[in-house]
Amino acid sequence: MLKVYVVDDSELVRERLIDMVSEIEEVEVVGETGDLREAKASIGQLRPDAVILDIRLPDGNGITLLRHMKRERPAATVIVLTNYPYPQYREECLDAGADYFLYKATEFDQVGEILSRIAGSGTPP
């Protein structure tokens, strides 16, 4: 079972992601939050296999969390899902270890496809 954690400041986006991810066999959402500090603590405790991460959070920057996660759990898959698809953010996220960088407006559905592939193969694509 692939364990997924969702970090986004929008409750509506979190709900949409959880609904989508919950329909994928062999994938379980183990937690969600819109708070950077809570995400850091929960991810450390729950040790998810994949994290869906927004860049902008009310109490900080998701890229900071991304760097921390990749130091602590380099094998975890990180999907950055953002409304800020600017090249500098893409480069910074990928350099920090993000496995995917997706634009919410046009690539939202790719999250489910990516997680399905990961769950189906047992390893990141």
PDB file of N, CA and C in Angstrom:
ATOM      1  N   MET A   1       0.844  -1.188   0.000  1.00  0.00           N
ATOM      2  CA  MET A   1       0.000   0.000   0.000  1.00  0.00           C
ATOM      3  C   MET A   1       0.887   1.248   0.000  1.00  0.00           C
ATOM      4  N   LEU A   2       0.649   2.130  -0.956  1.00  0.00           N
ATOM      5  CA  LEU A   2       1.385   3.389  -1.068  1.00  0.00           C
ATOM      6  C   LEU A   2       0.730   4.422  -0.154  1.00  0.00           C
ATOM      7  N   LYS A   3       1.483   4.940   0.814  1.00  0.00           N
ATOM      8  CA  LYS A   3       0.963   5.934   1.755  1.00  0.00           C
ATOM      9  C   LYS A   3       1.256   7.338   1.219  1.00  0.00           C
ATOM     10  N   VAL A   4       0.198   8.177   1.164  1.00  0.00           N
ATOM     11  CA  VAL A   4       0.309   9.522   0.596  1.00  0.00           C
ATOM     12  C   VAL A   4      -0.118  10.557   1.634  1.00  0.00           C
ATOM     13  N   TYR A   5       0.604  11.668   1.665  1.00  0.00           N
ATOM     14  CA  TYR A   5       0.275  12.796   2.535  1.00  0.00           C
ATOM     15  C   TYR A   5       0.065  14.026   1.648  1.00  0.00           C
ATOM     16  N   VAL A   6      -0.970  14.822   1.946  1.00  0.00           N
ATOM     17  CA  VAL A   6      -1.335  15.980   1.123  1.00  0.00           C
ATOM     18  C   VAL A   6      -1.093  17.273   1.913  1.00  0.00           C
ATOM     19  N   VAL A   7      -0.327  18.206   1.306  1.00  0.00           N
ATOM     20  CA  VAL A   7      -0.044  19.504   1.926  1.00  0.00           C
ATOM     21  C   VAL A   7      -0.455  20.605   0.951  1.00  0.00           C
ATOM     22  N   ASP A   8      -1.533  21.314   1.281  1.00  0.00           N
ATOM     23  CA  ASP A   8      -1.999  22.430   0.448  1.00  0.00           C
ATOM     24  C   ASP A   8      -2.780  23.384   1.336  1.00  0.00           C
ATOM     25  N   ASP A   9      -2.607  24.688   1.108  1.00  0.00           N
ATOM     26  CA  ASP A   9      -3.303  25.661   1.957  1.00  0.00           C
ATOM     27  C   ASP A   9      -4.793  25.740   1.667  1.00  0.00           C
ATOM     28  N   SER A  10      -5.245  25.227   0.545  1.00  0.00           N
ATOM     29  CA  SER A  10      -6.660  25.261   0.197  1.00  0.00           C
ATOM     30  C   SER A  10      -7.351  23.978   0.633  1.00  0.00           C
ATOM     31  N   GLU A  11      -8.312  24.109   1.516  1.00  0.00           N
ATOM     32  CA  GLU A  11      -9.068  22.943   1.964  1.00  0.00           C
ATOM     33  C   GLU A  11      -9.794  22.277   0.796  1.00  0.00           C
ATOM     34  N   LEU A  12     -10.316  23.094  -0.113  1.00  0.00           N
ATOM     35  CA  LEU A  12     -11.008  22.560  -1.293  1.00  0.00           C
ATOM     36  C   LEU A  12     -10.065  21.725  -2.162  1.00  0.00           C
ATOM     37  N   VAL A  13      -8.857  22.206  -2.383  1.00  0.00           N
ATOM     38  CA  VAL A  13      -7.878  21.450  -3.181  1.00  0.00           C
ATOM     39  C   VAL A  13      -7.519  20.151  -2.458  1.00  0.00           C
ATOM     40  N   ARG A  14      -7.313  20.230  -1.145  1.00  0.00           N
ATOM     41  CA  ARG A  14      -7.003  19.008  -0.384  1.00  0.00           C
ATOM     42  C   ARG A  14      -8.130  17.990  -0.526  1.00  0.00           C
ATOM     43  N   GLU A  15      -9.368  18.451  -0.419  1.00  0.00           N
ATOM     44  CA  GLU A  15     -10.519  17.548  -0.557  1.00  0.00           C
ATOM     45  C   GLU A  15     -10.559  16.913  -1.948  1.00  0.00           C
ATOM     46  N   ARG A  16     -10.333  17.710  -2.977  1.00  0.00           N
ATOM     47  CA  ARG A  16     -10.324  17.176  -4.356  1.00  0.00           C
ATOM     48  C   ARG A  16      -9.221  16.147  -4.532  1.00  0.00           C
ATOM     49  N   LEU A  17      -8.040  16.438  -4.014  1.00  0.00           N
ATOM     50  CA  LEU A  17      -6.928  15.499  -4.115  1.00  0.00           C
ATOM     51  C   LEU A  17      -7.227  14.203  -3.363  1.00  0.00           C
ATOM     52  N   ILE A  18      -7.743  14.336  -2.157  1.00  0.00           N
ATOM     53  CA  ILE A  18      -8.050  13.150  -1.349  1.00  0.00           C
ATOM     54  C   ILE A  18      -9.106  12.298  -2.041  1.00  0.00           C
ATOM     55  N   ASP A  19     -10.142  12.929  -2.590  1.00  0.00           N
ATOM     56  CA  ASP A  19     -11.173  12.180  -3.329  1.00  0.00           C
ATOM     57  C   ASP A  19     -10.552  11.429  -4.502  1.00  0.00           C
ATOM     58  N   MET A  20      -9.704  12.106  -5.263  1.00  0.00           N
ATOM     59  CA  MET A  20      -9.090  11.493  -6.431  1.00  0.00           C
ATOM     60  C   MET A  20      -8.160  10.348  -6.018  1.00  0.00           C
ATOM     61  N   VAL A  21      -7.320  10.603  -5.047  1.00  0.00           N
ATOM     62  CA  VAL A  21      -6.337   9.611  -4.622  1.00  0.00           C
ATOM     63  C   VAL A  21      -7.010   8.407  -3.964  1.00  0.00           C
ATOM     64  N   SER A  22      -8.090   8.640  -3.235  1.00  0.00           N
ATOM     65  CA  SER A  22      -8.785   7.557  -2.541  1.00  0.00           C
ATOM     66  C   SER A  22      -9.390   6.533  -3.490  1.00  0.00           C
ATOM     67  N   GLU A  23      -9.577   6.908  -4.735  1.00  0.00           N
ATOM     68  CA  GLU A  23     -10.140   5.989  -5.724  1.00  0.00           C
ATOM     69  C   GLU A  23      -9.090   5.077  -6.354  1.00  0.00           C
ATOM     70  N   ILE A  24      -7.829   5.301  -6.051  1.00  0.00           N
ATOM     71  CA  ILE A  24      -6.747   4.511  -6.638  1.00  0.00           C
ATOM     72  C   ILE A  24      -6.476   3.299  -5.751  1.00  0.00           C
ATOM     73  N   GLU A  25      -6.547   2.114  -6.353  1.00  0.00           N
ATOM     74  CA  GLU A  25      -6.226   0.904  -5.595  1.00  0.00           C
ATOM     75  C   GLU A  25      -4.785   0.959  -5.133  1.00  0.00           C
ATOM     76  N   GLU A  26      -4.533   0.402  -3.972  1.00  0.00           N
ATOM     77  CA  GLU A  26      -3.194   0.318  -3.403  1.00  0.00           C
ATOM     78  C   GLU A  26      -2.612   1.670  -2.992  1.00  0.00           C
ATOM     79  N   VAL A  27      -3.473   2.691  -2.857  1.00  0.00           N
ATOM     80  CA  VAL A  27      -3.021   4.000  -2.394  1.00  0.00           C
ATOM     81  C   VAL A  27      -3.906   4.416  -1.227  1.00  0.00           C
ATOM     82  N   GLU A  28      -3.275   4.897  -0.167  1.00  0.00           N
ATOM     83  CA  GLU A  28      -3.994   5.328   1.027  1.00  0.00           C
ATOM     84  C   GLU A  28      -3.513   6.714   1.438  1.00  0.00           C
ATOM     85  N   VAL A  29      -4.444   7.646   1.639  1.00  0.00           N
ATOM     86  CA  VAL A  29      -4.095   8.966   2.151  1.00  0.00           C
ATOM     87  C   VAL A  29      -3.963   8.831   3.670  1.00  0.00           C
ATOM     88  N   VAL A  30      -2.767   9.085   4.185  1.00  0.00           N
ATOM     89  CA  VAL A  30      -2.519   8.905   5.614  1.00  0.00           C
ATOM     90  C   VAL A  30      -2.608  10.207   6.404  1.00  0.00           C
ATOM     91  N   GLY A  31      -2.716  11.344   5.683  1.00  0.00           N
ATOM     92  CA  GLY A  31      -2.837  12.614   6.375  1.00  0.00           C
ATOM     93  C   GLY A  31      -2.904  13.773   5.405  1.00  0.00           C
ATOM     94  N   GLU A  32      -3.315  14.923   5.955  1.00  0.00           N
ATOM     95  CA  GLU A  32      -3.406  16.133   5.145  1.00  0.00           C
ATOM     96  C   GLU A  32      -3.393  17.338   6.058  1.00  0.00           C
ATOM     97  N   THR A  33      -2.879  18.453   5.515  1.00  0.00           N
ATOM     98  CA  THR A  33      -2.840  19.698   6.267  1.00  0.00           C
ATOM     99  C   THR A  33      -2.596  20.867   5.321  1.00  0.00           C
ATOM    100  N   GLY A  34      -2.859  22.063   5.827  1.00  0.00           N
ATOM    101  CA  GLY A  34      -2.538  23.290   5.114  1.00  0.00           C
ATOM    102  C   GLY A  34      -1.476  24.080   5.857  1.00  0.00           C
ATOM    103  N   ASP A  35      -0.872  23.456   6.864  1.00  0.00           N
ATOM    104  CA  ASP A  35       0.056  24.115   7.772  1.00  0.00           C
ATOM    105  C   ASP A  35       1.449  23.502   7.649  1.00  0.00           C
ATOM    106  N   LEU A  36       2.449  24.319   7.421  1.00  0.00           N
ATOM    107  CA  LEU A  36       3.813  23.851   7.216  1.00  0.00           C
ATOM    108  C   LEU A  36       4.363  23.105   8.431  1.00  0.00           C
ATOM    109  N   ARG A  37       4.200  23.670   9.613  1.00  0.00           N
ATOM    110  CA  ARG A  37       4.728  23.021  10.824  1.00  0.00           C
ATOM    111  C   ARG A  37       4.059  21.687  11.097  1.00  0.00           C
ATOM    112  N   GLU A  38       2.742  21.650  10.920  1.00  0.00           N
ATOM    113  CA  GLU A  38       2.024  20.391  11.111  1.00  0.00           C
ATOM    114  C   GLU A  38       2.474  19.359  10.079  1.00  0.00           C
ATOM    115  N   ALA A  39       2.664  19.799   8.850  1.00  0.00           N
ATOM    116  CA  ALA A  39       3.116  18.891   7.795  1.00  0.00           C
ATOM    117  C   ALA A  39       4.472  18.285   8.152  1.00  0.00           C
ATOM    118  N   LYS A  40       5.390  19.118   8.586  1.00  0.00           N
ATOM    119  CA  LYS A  40       6.734  18.640   8.923  1.00  0.00           C
ATOM    120  C   LYS A  40       6.669  17.587  10.029  1.00  0.00           C
ATOM    121  N   ALA A  41       5.900  17.871  11.082  1.00  0.00           N
ATOM    122  CA  ALA A  41       5.784  16.920  12.195  1.00  0.00           C
ATOM    123  C   ALA A  41       5.079  15.639  11.762  1.00  0.00           C
ATOM    124  N   SER A  42       3.975  15.776  11.045  1.00  0.00           N
ATOM    125  CA  SER A  42       3.194  14.603  10.641  1.00  0.00           C
ATOM    126  C   SER A  42       3.944  13.726   9.647  1.00  0.00           C
ATOM    127  N   ILE A  43       4.617  14.347   8.702  1.00  0.00           N
ATOM    128  CA  ILE A  43       5.382  13.574   7.712  1.00  0.00           C
ATOM    129  C   ILE A  43       6.507  12.815   8.406  1.00  0.00           C
ATOM    130  N   GLY A  44       7.139  13.452   9.385  1.00  0.00           N
ATOM    131  CA  GLY A  44       8.187  12.769  10.143  1.00  0.00           C
ATOM    132  C   GLY A  44       7.655  11.576  10.911  1.00  0.00           C
ATOM    133  N   GLN A  45       6.456  11.703  11.435  1.00  0.00           N
ATOM    134  CA  GLN A  45       5.854  10.631  12.223  1.00  0.00           C
ATOM    135  C   GLN A  45       5.234   9.543  11.339  1.00  0.00           C
ATOM    136  N   LEU A  46       4.491   9.942  10.306  1.00  0.00           N
ATOM    137  CA  LEU A  46       3.748   8.985   9.476  1.00  0.00           C
ATOM    138  C   LEU A  46       4.612   8.323   8.400  1.00  0.00           C
ATOM    139  N   ARG A  47       5.693   8.975   7.995  1.00  0.00           N
ATOM    140  CA  ARG A  47       6.634   8.460   7.002  1.00  0.00           C
ATOM    141  C   ARG A  47       5.939   7.992   5.716  1.00  0.00           C
ATOM    142  N   PRO A  48       5.224   8.907   5.043  1.00  0.00           N
ATOM    143  CA  PRO A  48       4.531   8.530   3.805  1.00  0.00           C
ATOM    144  C   PRO A  48       5.515   8.207   2.684  1.00  0.00           C
ATOM    145  N   ASP A  49       5.041   7.431   1.717  1.00  0.00           N
ATOM    146  CA  ASP A  49       5.846   7.078   0.554  1.00  0.00           C
ATOM    147  C   ASP A  49       5.849   8.201  -0.474  1.00  0.00           C
ATOM    148  N   ALA A  50       4.774   9.019  -0.455  1.00  0.00           N
ATOM    149  CA  ALA A  50       4.642  10.124  -1.413  1.00  0.00           C
ATOM    150  C   ALA A  50       3.962  11.302  -0.730  1.00  0.00           C
ATOM    151  N   VAL A  51       4.363  12.498  -1.145  1.00  0.00           N
ATOM    152  CA  VAL A  51       3.775  13.729  -0.616  1.00  0.00           C
ATOM    153  C   VAL A  51       3.382  14.609  -1.792  1.00  0.00           C
ATOM    154  N   ILE A  52       2.155  15.110  -1.742  1.00  0.00           N
ATOM    155  CA  ILE A  52       1.686  16.115  -2.701  1.00  0.00           C
ATOM    156  C   ILE A  52       1.833  17.447  -1.984  1.00  0.00           C
ATOM    157  N   LEU A  53       2.630  18.352  -2.547  1.00  0.00           N
ATOM    158  CA  LEU A  53       3.067  19.538  -1.821  1.00  0.00           C
ATOM    159  C   LEU A  53       2.826  20.815  -2.606  1.00  0.00           C
ATOM    160  N   ASP A  54       2.179  21.774  -1.954  1.00  0.00           N
ATOM    161  CA  ASP A  54       2.002  23.114  -2.509  1.00  0.00           C
ATOM    162  C   ASP A  54       3.231  23.947  -2.140  1.00  0.00           C
ATOM    163  N   ILE A  55       3.553  24.939  -2.951  1.00  0.00           N
ATOM    164  CA  ILE A  55       4.711  25.796  -2.661  1.00  0.00           C
ATOM    165  C   ILE A  55       4.369  26.845  -1.610  1.00  0.00           C
ATOM    166  N   ARG A  56       3.251  27.511  -1.787  1.00  0.00           N
ATOM    167  CA  ARG A  56       2.903  28.616  -0.890  1.00  0.00           C
ATOM    168  C   ARG A  56       1.944  28.143   0.186  1.00  0.00           C
ATOM    169  N   LEU A  57       2.372  28.316   1.434  1.00  0.00           N
ATOM    170  CA  LEU A  57       1.575  27.952   2.592  1.00  0.00           C
ATOM    171  C   LEU A  57       1.514  29.160   3.516  1.00  0.00           C
ATOM    172  N   PRO A  58       0.462  29.284   4.310  1.00  0.00           N
ATOM    173  CA  PRO A  58       0.302  30.489   5.120  1.00  0.00           C
ATOM    174  C   PRO A  58       1.428  30.724   6.123  1.00  0.00           C
ATOM    175  N   ASP A  59       2.081  29.665   6.578  1.00  0.00           N
ATOM    176  CA  ASP A  59       3.121  29.832   7.585  1.00  0.00           C
ATOM    177  C   ASP A  59       4.522  29.513   7.047  1.00  0.00           C
ATOM    178  N   GLY A  60       4.683  29.531   5.730  1.00  0.00           N
ATOM    179  CA  GLY A  60       6.014  29.296   5.195  1.00  0.00           C
ATOM    180  C   GLY A  60       6.000  28.833   3.757  1.00  0.00           C
ATOM    181  N   ASN A  61       7.144  28.338   3.352  1.00  0.00           N
ATOM    182  CA  ASN A  61       7.382  27.970   1.974  1.00  0.00           C
ATOM    183  C   ASN A  61       7.491  26.450   1.859  1.00  0.00           C
ATOM    184  N   GLY A  62       6.717  25.855   0.953  1.00  0.00           N
ATOM    185  CA  GLY A  62       6.758  24.416   0.762  1.00  0.00           C
ATOM    186  C   GLY A  62       8.107  23.908   0.305  1.00  0.00           C
ATOM    187  N   ILE A  63       8.905  24.765  -0.323  1.00  0.00           N
ATOM    188  CA  ILE A  63      10.231  24.347  -0.785  1.00  0.00           C
ATOM    189  C   ILE A  63      11.131  24.038   0.414  1.00  0.00           C
ATOM    190  N   THR A  64      10.949  24.767   1.499  1.00  0.00           N
ATOM    191  CA  THR A  64      11.687  24.491   2.731  1.00  0.00           C
ATOM    192  C   THR A  64      11.351  23.089   3.231  1.00  0.00           C
ATOM    193  N   LEU A  65      10.071  22.744   3.211  1.00  0.00           N
ATOM    194  CA  LEU A  65       9.641  21.413   3.626  1.00  0.00           C
ATOM    195  C   LEU A  65      10.195  20.354   2.674  1.00  0.00           C
ATOM    196  N   LEU A  66      10.190  20.632   1.399  1.00  0.00           N
ATOM    197  CA  LEU A  66      10.733  19.715   0.401  1.00  0.00           C
ATOM    198  C   LEU A  66      12.202  19.392   0.710  1.00  0.00           C
ATOM    199  N   ARG A  67      12.996  20.405   0.966  1.00  0.00           N
ATOM    200  CA  ARG A  67      14.423  20.190   1.273  1.00  0.00           C
ATOM    201  C   ARG A  67      14.586  19.332   2.530  1.00  0.00           C
ATOM    202  N   HIS A  68      13.811  19.665   3.556  1.00  0.00           N
ATOM    203  CA  HIS A  68      13.867  18.902   4.811  1.00  0.00           C
ATOM    204  C   HIS A  68      13.498  17.437   4.567  1.00  0.00           C
ATOM    205  N   MET A  69      12.414  17.227   3.825  1.00  0.00           N
ATOM    206  CA  MET A  69      11.957  15.858   3.557  1.00  0.00           C
ATOM    207  C   MET A  69      13.007  15.053   2.811  1.00  0.00           C
ATOM    208  N   LYS A  70      13.619  15.649   1.804  1.00  0.00           N
ATOM    209  CA  LYS A  70      14.588  14.915   0.998  1.00  0.00           C
ATOM    210  C   LYS A  70      15.862  14.595   1.784  1.00  0.00           C
ATOM    211  N   ARG A  71      16.169  15.387   2.807  1.00  0.00           N
ATOM    212  CA  ARG A  71      17.284  15.045   3.694  1.00  0.00           C
ATOM    213  C   ARG A  71      16.912  13.860   4.588  1.00  0.00           C
ATOM    214  N   GLU A  72      15.669  13.888   5.097  1.00  0.00           N
ATOM    215  CA  GLU A  72      15.217  12.860   6.037  1.00  0.00           C
ATOM    216  C   GLU A  72      14.787  11.569   5.346  1.00  0.00           C
ATOM    217  N   ARG A  73      14.104  11.685   4.198  1.00  0.00           N
ATOM    218  CA  ARG A  73      13.558  10.520   3.483  1.00  0.00           C
ATOM    219  C   ARG A  73      13.779  10.702   1.993  1.00  0.00           C
ATOM    220  N   PRO A  74      14.996  10.528   1.515  1.00  0.00           N
ATOM    221  CA  PRO A  74      15.281  10.788   0.102  1.00  0.00           C
ATOM    222  C   PRO A  74      14.486   9.923  -0.867  1.00  0.00           C
ATOM    223  N   ALA A  75      14.037   8.751  -0.433  1.00  0.00           N
ATOM    224  CA  ALA A  75      13.308   7.857  -1.344  1.00  0.00           C
ATOM    225  C   ALA A  75      11.838   8.245  -1.512  1.00  0.00           C
ATOM    226  N   ALA A  76      11.316   9.102  -0.647  1.00  0.00           N
ATOM    227  CA  ALA A  76       9.905   9.503  -0.757  1.00  0.00           C
ATOM    228  C   ALA A  76       9.694  10.293  -2.048  1.00  0.00           C
ATOM    229  N   THR A  77       8.607  10.005  -2.729  1.00  0.00           N
ATOM    230  CA  THR A  77       8.259  10.732  -3.952  1.00  0.00           C
ATOM    231  C   THR A  77       7.570  12.031  -3.565  1.00  0.00           C
ATOM    232  N   VAL A  78       7.996  13.140  -4.153  1.00  0.00           N
ATOM    233  CA  VAL A  78       7.372  14.436  -3.886  1.00  0.00           C
ATOM    234  C   VAL A  78       6.822  14.985  -5.200  1.00  0.00           C
ATOM    235  N   ILE A  79       5.521  15.268  -5.170  1.00  0.00           N
ATOM    236  CA  ILE A  79       4.832  15.883  -6.304  1.00  0.00           C
ATOM    237  C   ILE A  79       4.503  17.309  -5.892  1.00  0.00           C
ATOM    238  N   VAL A  80       5.180  18.279  -6.464  1.00  0.00           N
ATOM    239  CA  VAL A  80       4.860  19.676  -6.202  1.00  0.00           C
ATOM    240  C   VAL A  80       3.707  20.049  -7.126  1.00  0.00           C
ATOM    241  N   LEU A  81       2.624  20.528  -6.526  1.00  0.00           N
ATOM    242  CA  LEU A  81       1.423  20.922  -7.264  1.00  0.00           C
ATOM    243  C   LEU A  81       1.136  22.375  -6.896  1.00  0.00           C
ATOM    244  N   THR A  82       1.285  23.273  -7.861  1.00  0.00           N
ATOM    245  CA  THR A  82       1.275  24.698  -7.535  1.00  0.00           C
ATOM    246  C   THR A  82       0.495  25.542  -8.542  1.00  0.00           C
ATOM    247  N   ASN A  83       0.098  26.707  -8.093  1.00  0.00           N
ATOM    248  CA  ASN A  83      -0.485  27.726  -8.972  1.00  0.00           C
ATOM    249  C   ASN A  83       0.595  28.677  -9.486  1.00  0.00           C
ATOM    250  N   TYR A  84       1.842  28.390  -9.157  1.00  0.00           N
ATOM    251  CA  TYR A  84       2.966  29.247  -9.529  1.00  0.00           C
ATOM    252  C   TYR A  84       3.972  28.437 -10.364  1.00  0.00           C
ATOM    253  N   PRO A  85       3.642  28.200 -11.636  1.00  0.00           N
ATOM    254  CA  PRO A  85       4.475  27.324 -12.462  1.00  0.00           C
ATOM    255  C   PRO A  85       5.670  28.034 -13.109  1.00  0.00           C
ATOM    256  N   TYR A  86       6.192  29.030 -12.447  1.00  0.00           N
ATOM    257  CA  TYR A  86       7.268  29.820 -13.014  1.00  0.00           C
ATOM    258  C   TYR A  86       8.560  29.009 -13.109  1.00  0.00           C
ATOM    259  N   PRO A  87       9.368  29.263 -14.145  1.00  0.00           N
ATOM    260  CA  PRO A  87      10.611  28.490 -14.347  1.00  0.00           C
ATOM    261  C   PRO A  87      11.537  28.498 -13.128  1.00  0.00           C
ATOM    262  N   GLN A  88      11.629  29.616 -12.431  1.00  0.00           N
ATOM    263  CA  GLN A  88      12.529  29.667 -11.280  1.00  0.00           C
ATOM    264  C   GLN A  88      12.054  28.750 -10.158  1.00  0.00           C
ATOM    265  N   TYR A  89      10.726  28.641  -9.962  1.00  0.00           N
ATOM    266  CA  TYR A  89      10.191  27.716  -8.958  1.00  0.00           C
ATOM    267  C   TYR A  89      10.411  26.274  -9.400  1.00  0.00           C
ATOM    268  N   ARG A  90      10.159  25.998 -10.670  1.00  0.00           N
ATOM    269  CA  ARG A  90      10.372  24.639 -11.201  1.00  0.00           C
ATOM    270  C   ARG A  90      11.816  24.211 -10.952  1.00  0.00           C
ATOM    271  N   GLU A  91      12.750  25.069 -11.328  1.00  0.00           N
ATOM    272  CA  GLU A  91      14.166  24.750 -11.175  1.00  0.00           C
ATOM    273  C   GLU A  91      14.530  24.548  -9.709  1.00  0.00           C
ATOM    274  N   GLU A  92      14.053  25.447  -8.850  1.00  0.00           N
ATOM    275  CA  GLU A  92      14.372  25.345  -7.426  1.00  0.00           C
ATOM    276  C   GLU A  92      13.802  24.070  -6.821  1.00  0.00           C
ATOM    277  N   CYS A  93      12.577  23.720  -7.183  1.00  0.00           N
ATOM    278  CA  CYS A  93      11.944  22.507  -6.649  1.00  0.00           C
ATOM    279  C   CYS A  93      12.644  21.247  -7.144  1.00  0.00           C
ATOM    280  N   LEU A  94      12.945  21.198  -8.421  1.00  0.00           N
ATOM    281  CA  LEU A  94      13.618  20.022  -8.964  1.00  0.00           C
ATOM    282  C   LEU A  94      15.033  19.893  -8.394  1.00  0.00           C
ATOM    283  N   ASP A  95      15.722  21.013  -8.221  1.00  0.00           N
ATOM    284  CA  ASP A  95      17.050  20.991  -7.603  1.00  0.00           C
ATOM    285  C   ASP A  95      16.981  20.523  -6.150  1.00  0.00           C
ATOM    286  N   ALA A  96      15.881  20.846  -5.472  1.00  0.00           N
ATOM    287  CA  ALA A  96      15.710  20.457  -4.070  1.00  0.00           C
ATOM    288  C   ALA A  96      15.277  18.998  -3.929  1.00  0.00           C
ATOM    289  N   GLY A  97      14.954  18.348  -5.051  1.00  0.00           N
ATOM    290  CA  GLY A  97      14.629  16.929  -4.988  1.00  0.00           C
ATOM    291  C   GLY A  97      13.219  16.548  -5.371  1.00  0.00           C
ATOM    292  N   ALA A  98      12.399  17.512  -5.798  1.00  0.00           N
ATOM    293  CA  ALA A  98      11.038  17.163  -6.223  1.00  0.00           C
ATOM    294  C   ALA A  98      11.108  16.192  -7.399  1.00  0.00           C
ATOM    295  N   ASP A  99      10.231  15.210  -7.370  1.00  0.00           N
ATOM    296  CA  ASP A  99      10.180  14.232  -8.456  1.00  0.00           C
ATOM    297  C   ASP A  99       9.310  14.727  -9.600  1.00  0.00           C
ATOM    298  N   TYR A 100       8.321  15.559  -9.277  1.00  0.00           N
ATOM    299  CA  TYR A 100       7.396  16.113 -10.276  1.00  0.00           C
ATOM    300  C   TYR A 100       7.076  17.543  -9.896  1.00  0.00           C
ATOM    301  N   PHE A 101       6.842  18.378 -10.894  1.00  0.00           N
ATOM    302  CA  PHE A 101       6.448  19.766 -10.691  1.00  0.00           C
ATOM    303  C   PHE A 101       5.270  20.021 -11.618  1.00  0.00           C
ATOM    304  N   LEU A 102       4.073  20.178 -11.053  1.00  0.00           N
ATOM    305  CA  LEU A 102       2.849  20.277 -11.845  1.00  0.00           C
ATOM    306  C   LEU A 102       2.102  21.578 -11.573  1.00  0.00           C
ATOM    307  N   TYR A 103       1.475  22.091 -12.616  1.00  0.00           N
ATOM    308  CA  TYR A 103       0.654  23.306 -12.538  1.00  0.00           C
ATOM    309  C   TYR A 103      -0.788  22.896 -12.257  1.00  0.00           C
ATOM    310  N   LYS A 104      -1.347  23.421 -11.167  1.00  0.00           N
ATOM    311  CA  LYS A 104      -2.704  23.032 -10.762  1.00  0.00           C
ATOM    312  C   LYS A 104      -3.738  23.237 -11.862  1.00  0.00           C
ATOM    313  N   ALA A 105      -3.639  24.320 -12.603  1.00  0.00           N
ATOM    314  CA  ALA A 105      -4.673  24.673 -13.577  1.00  0.00           C
ATOM    315  C   ALA A 105      -4.741  23.704 -14.753  1.00  0.00           C
ATOM    316  N   THR A 106      -3.626  23.095 -15.119  1.00  0.00           N
ATOM    317  CA  THR A 106      -3.624  22.250 -16.323  1.00  0.00           C
ATOM    318  C   THR A 106      -3.143  20.813 -16.089  1.00  0.00           C
ATOM    319  N   GLU A 107      -2.505  20.555 -14.950  1.00  0.00           N
ATOM    320  CA  GLU A 107      -1.916  19.225 -14.747  1.00  0.00           C
ATOM    321  C   GLU A 107      -2.422  18.523 -13.491  1.00  0.00           C
ATOM    322  N   PHE A 108      -3.485  19.007 -12.901  1.00  0.00           N
ATOM    323  CA  PHE A 108      -4.037  18.464 -11.656  1.00  0.00           C
ATOM    324  C   PHE A 108      -4.263  16.956 -11.744  1.00  0.00           C
ATOM    325  N   ASP A 109      -4.893  16.508 -12.838  1.00  0.00           N
ATOM    326  CA  ASP A 109      -5.237  15.090 -12.985  1.00  0.00           C
ATOM    327  C   ASP A 109      -4.018  14.184 -13.112  1.00  0.00           C
ATOM    328  N   GLN A 110      -2.874  14.743 -13.442  1.00  0.00           N
ATOM    329  CA  GLN A 110      -1.667  13.925 -13.554  1.00  0.00           C
ATOM    330  C   GLN A 110      -1.232  13.354 -12.208  1.00  0.00           C
ATOM    331  N   VAL A 111      -1.655  13.987 -11.120  1.00  0.00           N
ATOM    332  CA  VAL A 111      -1.306  13.479  -9.786  1.00  0.00           C
ATOM    333  C   VAL A 111      -1.811  12.041  -9.639  1.00  0.00           C
ATOM    334  N   GLY A 112      -3.063  11.819  -9.991  1.00  0.00           N
ATOM    335  CA  GLY A 112      -3.629  10.474  -9.898  1.00  0.00           C
ATOM    336  C   GLY A 112      -2.918   9.483 -10.788  1.00  0.00           C
ATOM    337  N   GLU A 113      -2.583   9.909 -11.991  1.00  0.00           N
ATOM    338  CA  GLU A 113      -1.873   9.029 -12.931  1.00  0.00           C
ATOM    339  C   GLU A 113      -0.496   8.649 -12.385  1.00  0.00           C
ATOM    340  N   ILE A 114       0.201   9.610 -11.830  1.00  0.00           N
ATOM    341  CA  ILE A 114       1.534   9.358 -11.265  1.00  0.00           C
ATOM    342  C   ILE A 114       1.440   8.379 -10.098  1.00  0.00           C
ATOM    343  N   LEU A 115       0.507   8.629  -9.189  1.00  0.00           N
ATOM    344  CA  LEU A 115       0.371   7.750  -8.021  1.00  0.00           C
ATOM    345  C   LEU A 115      -0.070   6.346  -8.431  1.00  0.00           C
ATOM    346  N   SER A 116      -0.911   6.243  -9.441  1.00  0.00           N
ATOM    347  CA  SER A 116      -1.321   4.920  -9.946  1.00  0.00           C
ATOM    348  C   SER A 116      -0.113   4.155 -10.466  1.00  0.00           C
ATOM    349  N   ARG A 117       0.736   4.833 -11.218  1.00  0.00           N
ATOM    350  CA  ARG A 117       1.942   4.178 -11.747  1.00  0.00           C
ATOM    351  C   ARG A 117       2.855   3.727 -10.616  1.00  0.00           C
ATOM    352  N   ILE A 118       3.060   4.612  -9.644  1.00  0.00           N
ATOM    353  CA  ILE A 118       3.947   4.281  -8.526  1.00  0.00           C
ATOM    354  C   ILE A 118       3.381   3.087  -7.748  1.00  0.00           C
ATOM    355  N   ALA A 119       2.100   3.134  -7.440  1.00  0.00           N
ATOM    356  CA  ALA A 119       1.471   2.052  -6.682  1.00  0.00           C
ATOM    357  C   ALA A 119       1.491   0.746  -7.453  1.00  0.00           C
ATOM    358  N   GLY A 120       1.292   0.829  -8.759  1.00  0.00           N
ATOM    359  CA  GLY A 120       1.263  -0.364  -9.596  1.00  0.00           C
ATOM    360  C   GLY A 120       2.614  -1.022  -9.750  1.00  0.00           C
ATOM    361  N   SER A 121       3.655  -0.218  -9.771  1.00  0.00           N
ATOM    362  CA  SER A 121       4.995  -0.778  -9.984  1.00  0.00           C
ATOM    363  C   SER A 121       5.710  -1.069  -8.686  1.00  0.00           C
ATOM    364  N   GLY A 122       5.248  -0.439  -7.597  1.00  0.00           N
ATOM    365  CA  GLY A 122       5.921  -0.612  -6.323  1.00  0.00           C
ATOM    366  C   GLY A 122       7.149   0.265  -6.163  1.00  0.00           C
ATOM    367  N   THR A 123       7.536   0.953  -7.234  1.00  0.00           N
ATOM    368  CA  THR A 123       8.687   1.864  -7.186  1.00  0.00           C
ATOM    369  C   THR A 123       8.369   3.109  -7.993  1.00  0.00           C
ATOM    370  N   PRO A 124       9.039   4.210  -7.696  1.00  0.00           N
ATOM    371  CA  PRO A 124       8.791   5.429  -8.464  1.00  0.00           C
ATOM    372  C   PRO A 124       9.138   5.235  -9.925  1.00  0.00           C
ATOM    373  N   PRO A 125       8.375   5.873 -10.835  1.00  0.00           N
ATOM    374  CA  PRO A 125       8.644   5.754 -12.271  1.00  0.00           C
ATOM    375  C   PRO A 125       9.934   6.435 -12.676  1.00  0.00           C
TER     376      PRO A 125
END
